[in-house]
Amino acid sequence: MLFNSFPFLFFFLPAVLMGFHLLGRLGRIAAVGWLTAASLVFYGHWNKAFLLLLVGSIVFNFLCAQAIVRAAGRAGWQRGILWAGIAGNLSLLCYYKYWFPLLNSLGSLSYPEHYFGNVVLPLGISFFTLTQIGYLVDLQQGEASFLGLLDHLFFVSFFPHLIAGPILHHREFMPQVTERRVFRLEWEDLAVGSTWFVMGLFKKVVVADQIAVHADLLFASPDGQPFFKVWCGVLSYAVQLYFDFSGYTDMAIGLAKMFSLRFPMNFNSPYKAKSIIEFWQRWHMTLTNYLMLYIYNPIALNINRKRLAAGKAVGRKAVLTAEGFLRVICLPTFVTMVIAGIWHGAGRQFLAFGLLHGVFICINHAWRTFAPKWSAALGSGRLGAATCVLITFVAVVSAQLFFRADSVQDAFSVLRGAIGINGLGQVPDTGTALLPWAALGLLFGIIWWFPNTQEILGQYSAEQRAETAGSQNLRWLRWQPTWKWSAAICAALFACFVLMKPASRFLYFQF
């Protein structure tokens, strides 16, 4: 079931809200039980067989967590149980996501070629697998408390984050569920959550889905395309991906807010980033935090321990040498970004996507570490900041080609067209030809100069963040519970109903 579908909007969501409000009067167990049951119905609506897979994964991880708790005081047993749990989770993920693509890739090298078939990828398997691995790791390290079966089911399956994130951390989310509170609809939270949800729905339906046609035309036939057509498709995909993922994030946060629950920020105007490091701090923020916490930091810590044992420099002194920089910064960065790339998909294009970002991040770190002090002034001022944003955006878009393309060969075909090898093509000079470029200009103006959703919501936002200069200059865009804003949100919702497509999936829908 999709958030941007009539069954969800007119049947599922109203029923869940009403049931939560009525059953919440019976206490926490009734409210959490209702939301858990509704979440399982939400997941099973797409494919009932995979509902058993989800429940089986949750029960397996619950038993692993229970075994870790019972083995308290026996560190060796706990580590063994943890690694067994991680292996079980990764085996499930690898079977559905990587096993058959790997076999088919090897089969293509044989003569005659052999096709091993394929399996349907369960919805959200990457997200609920990572969530539970993180929980088991923290539980074994004493940084998490044991969750009962109902709370564990709810933590993993709560429908706003189940399909495409954000990746929840139990310390951020579960205390909101287990604390003493009244489980019923709060009208202010319902109003703010509904506003947040409609803003996200508008981004998805009215912006992302409409601009997607130009990107789809390019990547459906990438060979031999001329310069202007390629850049129209490339920039259209950059806009589509931005508003699609931003829209889903807003909808997920808004849905949680309706139940007076707070999700972490997962998207914070990433195209405004002045460096590739800052980009990853703004894009898919919960994935970045997860990668840093459970992959990058352990690798870097292990490297530093070995260097310390060998009597070599660690910390800031280590990265000031070429050898130390390669080991302490580049090695964990490359491993982390390769895993991030492969996590997005099994094709070699996703590996290339991860490797490119690994290269970009290492270059960024090298510039920060080895560039002369006077170079810091290059990014100051409006012109310097705009140049940094533009360079970062070009790097991001070049990696996005591999993320979107069906193969590495297709991505290179698009790159050849982007640098003019296939000629310029027809220069847009008519109203029809200029229309998509005008739309792109308008949308990039909104992306770079307008405040984002959480800035628009201001004090009503789930995240109390410092306001940016852009939001300071556009105070008339600050949301208030007024009739004017209500009319604007209703108009946006009406536009969504008119333009909604039945089969329009999110780009992170089946991961």
Foldseek 3Di string as FASTA:
>chain_A
DDPLAPCCVPPLLVVLQVQQAVQLVVDLVSNLVSLLVSLLCVQCVVPVVCSCVLLVLLVLLLVLLVQLVVCPPPLVSLVVSLVVNLVVLVVVVCVQFADQVVVQVVQVPDVPRDHPDHDAFRAQSLQLSLLSNLQSVCSNVVNDDRDDSSLSSSLRRRRLARGFDDRDHCVQFVVVSPDDDRFHFDVLLLVLLLLLLLQLLLLQQVQLVVLQVLLCVCQVPVALDAAVSLVLNLLSVVSNQQSLVLSSQSNSQSSCSRRVTGDDDQAFLLLLDLALVVSCCHHRNSVSVSLVVPQLVVQLVVLQVVCVVVVHDDDLVQCLDPVSVCRNPLVSLLVSLQVVLVSLHNAVLSSVLSNLSSVRVSVVVCCVRPPDPVCVCQCDDPVSSVVSSVVSVVSNSLSVLSVPHPHPVSSVSSVCNNVGVSHNPDDDDDPVSCVSVVVSVVSVCCSNQAGDDQLQQAPSHSDNDDHDPSSVVPVVSRDDPDPVVVVVSVVSVVVSVVRRDNPDDRPSRRD
